[in-house]
Amino acid sequence: MEDIRCGHCGRKLAAVRGFIELQIKCPRCRTLNHLKAESLLKPPSSAQSHQEASCTPNRSSPG
């Protein structure tokens, strides 16, 4: 879980496991904290392995 703290006074506002968008008004300083997720969830591991399998090595580069 991730702690959500006020951007102005640093007070802990919540503990969350995941969110897309969140607005919390700090009870101490009355600042409206608006947070958005940094990235979307990662694709399933089966999709990643399929993408990796479809890549062909570059024969012109060493390695």
C-alpha atoms as a PDB file:
ATOM      1  CA  MET A   1       0.000   0.000   0.000  1.00  0.00           C
ATOM      2  CA  GLU A   2       1.114   3.522  -0.750  1.00  0.00           C
ATOM      3  CA  ASP A   3       0.728   6.472   1.625  1.00  0.00           C
ATOM      4  CA  ILE A   4      -0.915   9.577   0.176  1.00  0.00           C
ATOM      5  CA  ARG A   5       0.333  12.768   1.830  1.00  0.00           C
ATOM      6  CA  CYS A   6      -0.742  16.385   1.491  1.00  0.00           C
ATOM      7  CA  GLY A   7       1.418  18.248  -1.015  1.00  0.00           C
ATOM      8  CA  HIS A   8       1.314  21.379   1.162  1.00  0.00           C
ATOM      9  CA  CYS A   9       1.713  20.306   4.804  1.00  0.00           C
ATOM     10  CA  GLY A  10       2.753  16.637   4.462  1.00  0.00           C
ATOM     11  CA  ARG A  11      -0.056  15.186   6.590  1.00  0.00           C
ATOM     12  CA  LYS A  12      -0.919  11.562   5.786  1.00  0.00           C
ATOM     13  CA  LEU A  13      -4.319  11.571   4.098  1.00  0.00           C
ATOM     14  CA  ALA A  14      -4.794   7.948   3.044  1.00  0.00           C
ATOM     15  CA  ALA A  15      -3.209   4.605   2.299  1.00  0.00           C
ATOM     16  CA  VAL A  16      -4.169   3.193  -1.094  1.00  0.00           C
ATOM     17  CA  ARG A  17      -3.414   0.084  -3.084  1.00  0.00           C
ATOM     18  CA  GLY A  18      -4.238   1.476  -6.511  1.00  0.00           C
ATOM     19  CA  PHE A  19      -6.066   4.374  -8.090  1.00  0.00           C
ATOM     20  CA  ILE A  20      -6.558   6.092 -11.422  1.00  0.00           C
ATOM     21  CA  GLU A  21      -7.554   9.521 -10.138  1.00  0.00           C
ATOM     22  CA  LEU A  22      -7.984  10.763  -6.581  1.00  0.00           C
ATOM     23  CA  GLN A  23      -8.979  14.059  -4.929  1.00  0.00           C
ATOM     24  CA  ILE A  24      -8.564  14.533  -1.182  1.00  0.00           C
ATOM     25  CA  LYS A  25      -9.021  17.760   0.784  1.00  0.00           C
ATOM     26  CA  CYS A  26      -6.565  18.008   3.672  1.00  0.00           C
ATOM     27  CA  PRO A  27      -8.379  18.552   6.991  1.00  0.00           C
ATOM     28  CA  ARG A  28      -5.371  20.389   8.429  1.00  0.00           C
ATOM     29  CA  CYS A  29      -4.558  23.021   5.789  1.00  0.00           C
ATOM     30  CA  ARG A  30      -7.620  22.695   3.483  1.00  0.00           C
ATOM     31  CA  THR A  31      -5.492  22.089   0.368  1.00  0.00           C
ATOM     32  CA  LEU A  32      -7.230  20.099  -2.368  1.00  0.00           C
ATOM     33  CA  ASN A  33      -4.829  17.346  -3.413  1.00  0.00           C
ATOM     34  CA  HIS A  34      -5.485  15.965  -6.914  1.00  0.00           C
ATOM     35  CA  LEU A  35      -3.508  12.857  -7.863  1.00  0.00           C
ATOM     36  CA  LYS A  36      -3.489  10.815 -11.058  1.00  0.00           C
ATOM     37  CA  ALA A  37      -1.908   7.422 -11.678  1.00  0.00           C
ATOM     38  CA  GLU A  38       1.538   7.631 -13.275  1.00  0.00           C
ATOM     39  CA  SER A  39       0.918   4.728 -15.628  1.00  0.00           C
ATOM     40  CA  LEU A  40      -1.733   2.192 -16.487  1.00  0.00           C
ATOM     41  CA  LEU A  41      -1.523  -1.384 -15.312  1.00  0.00           C
ATOM     42  CA  LYS A  42       1.048  -3.522 -17.089  1.00  0.00           C
ATOM     43  CA  PRO A  43      -0.268  -5.971 -19.693  1.00  0.00           C
ATOM     44  CA  PRO A  44      -0.613  -9.635 -18.622  1.00  0.00           C
ATOM     45  CA  SER A  45       2.554 -11.735 -18.709  1.00  0.00           C
ATOM     46  CA  SER A  46       1.151 -13.838 -21.577  1.00  0.00           C
ATOM     47  CA  ALA A  47       0.941 -10.701 -23.754  1.00  0.00           C
ATOM     48  CA  GLN A  48       4.534  -9.739 -22.898  1.00  0.00           C
ATOM     49  CA  SER A  49       5.915 -13.168 -23.749  1.00  0.00           C
ATOM     50  CA  HIS A  50       4.047 -13.105 -27.076  1.00  0.00           C
ATOM     51  CA  GLN A  51       5.589  -9.722 -27.957  1.00  0.00           C
ATOM     52  CA  GLU A  52       9.064 -10.901 -27.000  1.00  0.00           C
ATOM     53  CA  ALA A  53       8.710 -14.054 -29.084  1.00  0.00           C
ATOM     54  CA  SER A  54       7.734 -12.069 -32.196  1.00  0.00           C
ATOM     55  CA  CYS A  55      10.908  -9.936 -32.108  1.00  0.00           C
ATOM     56  CA  THR A  56      13.643 -10.982 -34.522  1.00  0.00           C
ATOM     57  CA  PRO A  57      17.320 -10.364 -33.721  1.00  0.00           C
ATOM     58  CA  ASN A  58      19.161  -7.681 -35.680  1.00  0.00           C
ATOM     59  CA  ARG A  59      21.849  -9.578 -37.581  1.00  0.00           C
ATOM     60  CA  SER A  60      23.794  -6.446 -38.499  1.00  0.00           C
ATOM     61  CA  SER A  61      24.645  -5.632 -34.862  1.00  0.00           C
ATOM     62  CA  PRO A  62      27.128  -7.667 -32.808  1.00  0.00           C
ATOM     63  CA  GLY A  63      25.807  -9.780 -29.950  1.00  0.00           C
END
